[in-house]
C-alpha cells in the first residue's frame, strides 16, 4: 500500500485547534452485541446507545450487533449498555490490509449521510434567510451546529483526512450563514 502524506490535513486541524490522528484505514475495531430487557431502563439504554452509536458512525451488521473503531468512546458506550443488560464486546485488529481497507470504506460510507444531511440543512437555512424567515433559520442553525459538533467528533475519532476536509467545507458554509 502506498504511504499517504497527511501533513496538510494535520496542519489544517492544528489551525482549527483540533486534535486528529489522520489514518487511511482503521485496523482496530470493537464488535459490540447486546441483549437488553424490554423494560423502561432497557428501552432508555437502547435508545441512548442507538443515538450515540449513530454519532460515532457505528456500522450495524444485524439488530443489536454494531462495529465501531476501537476507541475509549466506544468502550464507554459498551459499559453504559452493560449496566442494563447483557453485552459482549470483541476487540480485533485486522491483519489483512485489504480487508481493513474494505471495512474502513464501509464505515466511512456510514458517516457520509450525516454530512449530506447537514449540507441539506444548510441549503434550507440559506433559503429561509433569503425569504427573511430569520427566526426559523436561527432555530435550524442551533440544531445544525449540534449536528456538526457531533459528526466532527466521530470524524476526528476515525481520523479520515477525506471526511475531515469535507467537514471543513461544510463548517465554512455554516459559518458564512452565521
Foldseek 3Di string as FASTA:
>chain_A
DDDDDCVVLCVVCVVVVHDFDADLFFFKKKKKAWDFDPDPLRVVLVVVLVVLCLLLLWDDPDVRITMGRDDVSVVVNQVSNVVGGDMDMDMGGDPDPVVRNVVRVVSVVSLVVLLVVLVVLLVVLVVCVVVVVPVVSVVSLVVSVVSLVSNCVSCRVRNHSVVSVSSVVSVVSSVVSD
